[in-house]
Amino acid sequence: MADAVTATTVEDGPREAVFYLTNTSDGTGESAVTKVDVSALSSLQDGTACTGVRIKKITFTNVGM
């Protein structure tokens, strides 16, 4: 069984984006998984494309393992 990975966009505004990421693991780990594709985020109000991000906060829950 492989890991079940999801990335849900909760909010994608011109200055802030919020994502809900999950990984239901079978213990083998994950590799080459894109969590946030910066090029796919909303543009600024003047039409300028997003070219980078900064992580403001990470909240996590670990069950088992």
PDB file of N, CA and C in Angstrom:
ATOM      1  N   MET A   1       0.846  -1.184   0.000  1.00  0.00           N
ATOM      2  CA  MET A   1       0.000   0.000   0.000  1.00  0.00           C
ATOM      3  C   MET A   1       0.887   1.242   0.000  1.00  0.00           C
ATOM      4  N   ALA A   2       0.598   2.186  -0.831  1.00  0.00           N
ATOM      5  CA  ALA A   2       1.350   3.440  -0.892  1.00  0.00           C
ATOM      6  C   ALA A   2       0.729   4.474   0.036  1.00  0.00           C
ATOM      7  N   ASP A   3       1.484   5.527   0.322  1.00  0.00           N
ATOM      8  CA  ASP A   3       0.946   6.627   1.114  1.00  0.00           C
ATOM      9  C   ASP A   3      -0.193   7.296   0.348  1.00  0.00           C
ATOM     10  N   ALA A   4      -1.225   7.723   1.077  1.00  0.00           N
ATOM     11  CA  ALA A   4      -2.327   8.491   0.489  1.00  0.00           C
ATOM     12  C   ALA A   4      -2.083   9.955   0.837  1.00  0.00           C
ATOM     13  N   VAL A   5      -1.786  10.776  -0.168  1.00  0.00           N
ATOM     14  CA  VAL A   5      -1.400  12.167   0.037  1.00  0.00           C
ATOM     15  C   VAL A   5      -2.418  13.076  -0.631  1.00  0.00           C
ATOM     16  N   THR A   6      -2.864  14.122   0.091  1.00  0.00           N
ATOM     17  CA  THR A   6      -3.758  15.115  -0.501  1.00  0.00           C
ATOM     18  C   THR A   6      -3.264  16.512  -0.155  1.00  0.00           C
ATOM     19  N   ALA A   7      -3.553  17.465  -1.022  1.00  0.00           N
ATOM     20  CA  ALA A   7      -3.273  18.880  -0.784  1.00  0.00           C
ATOM     21  C   ALA A   7      -4.516  19.652  -1.204  1.00  0.00           C
ATOM     22  N   THR A   8      -5.187  20.261  -0.232  1.00  0.00           N
ATOM     23  CA  THR A   8      -6.414  21.001  -0.488  1.00  0.00           C
ATOM     24  C   THR A   8      -6.152  22.491  -0.285  1.00  0.00           C
ATOM     25  N   THR A   9      -6.528  23.310  -1.256  1.00  0.00           N
ATOM     26  CA  THR A   9      -6.394  24.755  -1.120  1.00  0.00           C
ATOM     27  C   THR A   9      -7.612  25.283  -0.378  1.00  0.00           C
ATOM     28  N   VAL A  10      -7.381  25.868   0.792  1.00  0.00           N
ATOM     29  CA  VAL A  10      -8.454  26.441   1.602  1.00  0.00           C
ATOM     30  C   VAL A  10      -8.693  27.890   1.190  1.00  0.00           C
ATOM     31  N   GLU A  11      -7.603  28.624   0.969  1.00  0.00           N
ATOM     32  CA  GLU A  11      -7.683  30.029   0.559  1.00  0.00           C
ATOM     33  C   GLU A  11      -6.504  30.327  -0.359  1.00  0.00           C
ATOM     34  N   ASP A  12      -6.742  31.071  -1.430  1.00  0.00           N
ATOM     35  CA  ASP A  12      -5.670  31.490  -2.333  1.00  0.00           C
ATOM     36  C   ASP A  12      -5.940  32.922  -2.756  1.00  0.00           C
ATOM     37  N   GLY A  13      -5.495  33.847  -1.920  1.00  0.00           N
ATOM     38  CA  GLY A  13      -5.702  35.261  -2.194  1.00  0.00           C
ATOM     39  C   GLY A  13      -4.432  35.909  -2.711  1.00  0.00           C
ATOM     40  N   PRO A  14      -4.482  37.222  -2.978  1.00  0.00           N
ATOM     41  CA  PRO A  14      -3.323  37.911  -3.536  1.00  0.00           C
ATOM     42  C   PRO A  14      -2.139  38.023  -2.570  1.00  0.00           C
ATOM     43  N   ARG A  15      -2.378  37.927  -1.265  1.00  0.00           N
ATOM     44  CA  ARG A  15      -1.284  38.070  -0.299  1.00  0.00           C
ATOM     45  C   ARG A  15      -1.141  36.886   0.655  1.00  0.00           C
ATOM     46  N   GLU A  16      -2.110  35.994   0.689  1.00  0.00           N
ATOM     47  CA  GLU A  16      -2.065  34.884   1.637  1.00  0.00           C
ATOM     48  C   GLU A  16      -2.740  33.652   1.049  1.00  0.00           C
ATOM     49  N   ALA A  17      -2.131  32.504   1.283  1.00  0.00           N
ATOM     50  CA  ALA A  17      -2.708  31.228   0.845  1.00  0.00           C
ATOM     51  C   ALA A  17      -2.697  30.270   2.031  1.00  0.00           C
ATOM     52  N   VAL A  18      -3.737  29.451   2.118  1.00  0.00           N
ATOM     53  CA  VAL A  18      -3.857  28.472   3.200  1.00  0.00           C
ATOM     54  C   VAL A  18      -4.110  27.112   2.564  1.00  0.00           C
ATOM     55  N   PHE A  19      -3.356  26.114   3.015  1.00  0.00           N
ATOM     56  CA  PHE A  19      -3.474  24.763   2.477  1.00  0.00           C
ATOM     57  C   PHE A  19      -3.705  23.767   3.597  1.00  0.00           C
ATOM     58  N   TYR A  20      -4.432  22.703   3.294  1.00  0.00           N
ATOM     59  CA  TYR A  20      -4.657  21.591   4.207  1.00  0.00           C
ATOM     60  C   TYR A  20      -3.990  20.380   3.569  1.00  0.00           C
ATOM     61  N   LEU A  21      -2.922  19.897   4.196  1.00  0.00           N
ATOM     62  CA  LEU A  21      -2.135  18.793   3.650  1.00  0.00           C
ATOM     63  C   LEU A  21      -2.316  17.559   4.518  1.00  0.00           C
ATOM     64  N   THR A  22      -2.520  16.405   3.891  1.00  0.00           N
ATOM     65  CA  THR A  22      -2.637  15.159   4.646  1.00  0.00           C
ATOM     66  C   THR A  22      -1.722  14.098   4.050  1.00  0.00           C
ATOM     67  N   ASN A  23      -1.305  13.183   4.901  1.00  0.00           N
ATOM     68  CA  ASN A  23      -0.534  12.023   4.468  1.00  0.00           C
ATOM     69  C   ASN A  23      -0.938  10.865   5.358  1.00  0.00           C
ATOM     70  N   THR A  24      -1.668   9.920   4.808  1.00  0.00           N
ATOM     71  CA  THR A  24      -1.983   8.687   5.518  1.00  0.00           C
ATOM     72  C   THR A  24      -0.921   7.689   5.091  1.00  0.00           C
ATOM     73  N   SER A  25      -0.025   7.375   6.026  1.00  0.00           N
ATOM     74  CA  SER A  25       1.183   6.635   5.675  1.00  0.00           C
ATOM     75  C   SER A  25       1.082   5.156   6.007  1.00  0.00           C
ATOM     76  N   ASP A  26       1.726   4.363   5.165  1.00  0.00           N
ATOM     77  CA  ASP A  26       1.869   2.936   5.442  1.00  0.00           C
ATOM     78  C   ASP A  26       3.244   2.650   6.034  1.00  0.00           C
ATOM     79  N   GLY A  27       4.009   3.712   6.300  1.00  0.00           N
ATOM     80  CA  GLY A  27       5.320   3.570   6.909  1.00  0.00           C
ATOM     81  C   GLY A  27       6.474   3.577   5.926  1.00  0.00           C
ATOM     82  N   THR A  28       6.184   3.599   4.623  1.00  0.00           N
ATOM     83  CA  THR A  28       7.256   3.581   3.625  1.00  0.00           C
ATOM     84  C   THR A  28       7.739   4.976   3.267  1.00  0.00           C
ATOM     85  N   GLY A  29       7.006   5.991   3.677  1.00  0.00           N
ATOM     86  CA  GLY A  29       7.392   7.364   3.381  1.00  0.00           C
ATOM     87  C   GLY A  29       6.892   7.820   2.025  1.00  0.00           C
ATOM     88  N   GLU A  30       7.180   9.073   1.709  1.00  0.00           N
ATOM     89  CA  GLU A  30       6.784   9.635   0.421  1.00  0.00           C
ATOM     90  C   GLU A  30       7.985  10.325  -0.199  1.00  0.00           C
ATOM     91  N   SER A  31       7.985  10.440  -1.510  1.00  0.00           N
ATOM     92  CA  SER A  31       9.070  11.142  -2.193  1.00  0.00           C
ATOM     93  C   SER A  31       8.526  11.808  -3.443  1.00  0.00           C
ATOM     94  N   ALA A  32       9.163  12.895  -3.831  1.00  0.00           N
ATOM     95  CA  ALA A  32       8.809  13.644  -5.045  1.00  0.00           C
ATOM     96  C   ALA A  32       7.351  14.084  -5.057  1.00  0.00           C
ATOM     97  N   VAL A  33       6.847  14.556  -3.911  1.00  0.00           N
ATOM     98  CA  VAL A  33       5.469  15.034  -3.818  1.00  0.00           C
ATOM     99  C   VAL A  33       5.493  16.557  -3.716  1.00  0.00           C
ATOM    100  N   THR A  34       4.839  17.237  -4.649  1.00  0.00           N
ATOM    101  CA  THR A  34       4.742  18.689  -4.610  1.00  0.00           C
ATOM    102  C   THR A  34       3.637  19.084  -3.651  1.00  0.00           C
ATOM    103  N   LYS A  35       3.981  19.839  -2.635  1.00  0.00           N
ATOM    104  CA  LYS A  35       2.990  20.290  -1.653  1.00  0.00           C
ATOM    105  C   LYS A  35       2.332  21.594  -2.101  1.00  0.00           C
ATOM    106  N   VAL A  36       3.130  22.548  -2.551  1.00  0.00           N
ATOM    107  CA  VAL A  36       2.608  23.834  -3.004  1.00  0.00           C
ATOM    108  C   VAL A  36       3.313  24.197  -4.307  1.00  0.00           C
ATOM    109  N   ASP A  37       2.540  24.396  -5.369  1.00  0.00           N
ATOM    110  CA  ASP A  37       3.078  24.819  -6.662  1.00  0.00           C
ATOM    111  C   ASP A  37       2.940  26.339  -6.746  1.00  0.00           C
ATOM    112  N   VAL A  38       4.029  27.049  -6.508  1.00  0.00           N
ATOM    113  CA  VAL A  38       4.009  28.510  -6.461  1.00  0.00           C
ATOM    114  C   VAL A  38       3.483  29.102  -7.766  1.00  0.00           C
ATOM    115  N   SER A  39       3.822  28.518  -8.893  1.00  0.00           N
ATOM    116  CA  SER A  39       3.386  29.060 -10.187  1.00  0.00           C
ATOM    117  C   SER A  39       1.875  28.972 -10.381  1.00  0.00           C
ATOM    118  N   ALA A  40       1.193  28.142  -9.600  1.00  0.00           N
ATOM    119  CA  ALA A  40      -0.257  27.986  -9.732  1.00  0.00           C
ATOM    120  C   ALA A  40      -1.041  28.889  -8.777  1.00  0.00           C
ATOM    121  N   LEU A  41      -0.350  29.627  -7.908  1.00  0.00           N
ATOM    122  CA  LEU A  41      -1.036  30.506  -6.959  1.00  0.00           C
ATOM    123  C   LEU A  41      -1.579  31.747  -7.651  1.00  0.00           C
ATOM    124  N   SER A  42      -2.552  32.396  -7.022  1.00  0.00           N
ATOM    125  CA  SER A  42      -3.159  33.609  -7.574  1.00  0.00           C
ATOM    126  C   SER A  42      -2.123  34.699  -7.785  1.00  0.00           C
ATOM    127  N   SER A  43      -2.364  35.522  -8.792  1.00  0.00           N
ATOM    128  CA  SER A  43      -1.506  36.675  -9.063  1.00  0.00           C
ATOM    129  C   SER A  43      -1.830  37.797  -8.091  1.00  0.00           C
ATOM    130  N   LEU A  44      -0.920  38.769  -7.994  1.00  0.00           N
ATOM    131  CA  LEU A  44      -1.200  39.965  -7.210  1.00  0.00           C
ATOM    132  C   LEU A  44      -2.268  40.784  -7.922  1.00  0.00           C
ATOM    133  N   GLN A  45      -2.784  41.805  -7.251  1.00  0.00           N
ATOM    134  CA  GLN A  45      -3.860  42.614  -7.820  1.00  0.00           C
ATOM    135  C   GLN A  45      -3.442  43.341  -9.095  1.00  0.00           C
ATOM    136  N   ASP A  46      -2.140  43.607  -9.256  1.00  0.00           N
ATOM    137  CA  ASP A  46      -1.669  44.276 -10.476  1.00  0.00           C
ATOM    138  C   ASP A  46      -1.346  43.288 -11.596  1.00  0.00           C
ATOM    139  N   GLY A  47      -1.625  41.993 -11.368  1.00  0.00           N
ATOM    140  CA  GLY A  47      -1.395  40.976 -12.381  1.00  0.00           C
ATOM    141  C   GLY A  47      -0.036  40.296 -12.306  1.00  0.00           C
ATOM    142  N   THR A  48       0.815  40.748 -11.383  1.00  0.00           N
ATOM    143  CA  THR A  48       2.138  40.151 -11.222  1.00  0.00           C
ATOM    144  C   THR A  48       2.002  38.725 -10.693  1.00  0.00           C
ATOM    145  N   ALA A  49       2.690  37.788 -11.334  1.00  0.00           N
ATOM    146  CA  ALA A  49       2.624  36.381 -10.924  1.00  0.00           C
ATOM    147  C   ALA A  49       3.363  36.165  -9.605  1.00  0.00           C
ATOM    148  N   CYS A  50       2.917  35.195  -8.858  1.00  0.00           N
ATOM    149  CA  CYS A  50       3.581  34.805  -7.614  1.00  0.00           C
ATOM    150  C   CYS A  50       4.890  34.096  -7.966  1.00  0.00           C
ATOM    151  N   THR A  51       5.981  34.525  -7.341  1.00  0.00           N
ATOM    152  CA  THR A  51       7.289  33.930  -7.632  1.00  0.00           C
ATOM    153  C   THR A  51       7.942  33.298  -6.408  1.00  0.00           C
ATOM    154  N   GLY A  52       7.312  33.416  -5.248  1.00  0.00           N
ATOM    155  CA  GLY A  52       7.890  32.835  -4.035  1.00  0.00           C
ATOM    156  C   GLY A  52       6.904  32.890  -2.889  1.00  0.00           C
ATOM    157  N   VAL A  53       7.199  32.135  -1.869  1.00  0.00           N
ATOM    158  CA  VAL A  53       6.332  32.104  -0.687  1.00  0.00           C
ATOM    159  C   VAL A  53       7.187  32.061   0.576  1.00  0.00           C
ATOM    160  N   ARG A  54       6.582  32.438   1.690  1.00  0.00           N
ATOM    161  CA  ARG A  54       7.169  32.276   3.013  1.00  0.00           C
ATOM    162  C   ARG A  54       6.156  31.540   3.871  1.00  0.00           C
ATOM    163  N   ILE A  55       6.626  30.580   4.627  1.00  0.00           N
ATOM    164  CA  ILE A  55       5.731  29.834   5.511  1.00  0.00           C
ATOM    165  C   ILE A  55       5.544  30.636   6.788  1.00  0.00           C
ATOM    166  N   LYS A  56       4.293  30.939   7.089  1.00  0.00           N
ATOM    167  CA  LYS A  56       3.964  31.738   8.266  1.00  0.00           C
ATOM    168  C   LYS A  56       3.680  30.852   9.476  1.00  0.00           C
ATOM    169  N   LYS A  57       3.038  29.706   9.243  1.00  0.00           N
ATOM    170  CA  LYS A  57       2.627  28.862  10.359  1.00  0.00           C
ATOM    171  C   LYS A  57       2.429  27.432   9.879  1.00  0.00           C
ATOM    172  N   ILE A  58       2.833  26.476  10.706  1.00  0.00           N
ATOM    173  CA  ILE A  58       2.567  25.062  10.451  1.00  0.00           C
ATOM    174  C   ILE A  58       1.910  24.483  11.695  1.00  0.00           C
ATOM    175  N   THR A  59       0.780  23.838  11.513  1.00  0.00           N
ATOM    176  CA  THR A  59       0.097  23.134  12.593  1.00  0.00           C
ATOM    177  C   THR A  59      -0.017  21.688  12.161  1.00  0.00           C
ATOM    178  N   PHE A  60       0.296  20.741  13.059  1.00  0.00           N
ATOM    179  CA  PHE A  60       0.242  19.344  12.647  1.00  0.00           C
ATOM    180  C   PHE A  60      -0.310  18.456  13.751  1.00  0.00           C
ATOM    181  N   THR A  61      -0.778  17.297  13.338  1.00  0.00           N
ATOM    182  CA  THR A  61      -1.234  16.258  14.247  1.00  0.00           C
ATOM    183  C   THR A  61      -0.619  14.953  13.791  1.00  0.00           C
ATOM    184  N   ASN A  62      -0.111  14.198  14.733  1.00  0.00           N
ATOM    185  CA  ASN A  62       0.487  12.901  14.432  1.00  0.00           C
ATOM    186  C   ASN A  62      -0.247  11.840  15.240  1.00  0.00           C
ATOM    187  N   VAL A  63      -0.763  10.825  14.561  1.00  0.00           N
ATOM    188  CA  VAL A  63      -1.470   9.736  15.226  1.00  0.00           C
ATOM    189  C   VAL A  63      -0.723   8.444  14.931  1.00  0.00           C
ATOM    190  N   GLY A  64      -0.359   7.709  15.960  1.00  0.00           N
ATOM    191  CA  GLY A  64       0.365   6.452  15.759  1.00  0.00           C
ATOM    192  C   GLY A  64       1.815   6.679  15.427  1.00  0.00           C
ATOM    193  N   MET A  65       2.428   5.659  14.845  1.00  0.00           N
ATOM    194  CA  MET A  65       3.838   5.670  14.462  1.00  0.00           C
ATOM    195  C   MET A  65       4.644   6.528  15.385  1.00  0.00           C
TER     196      MET A  65
END
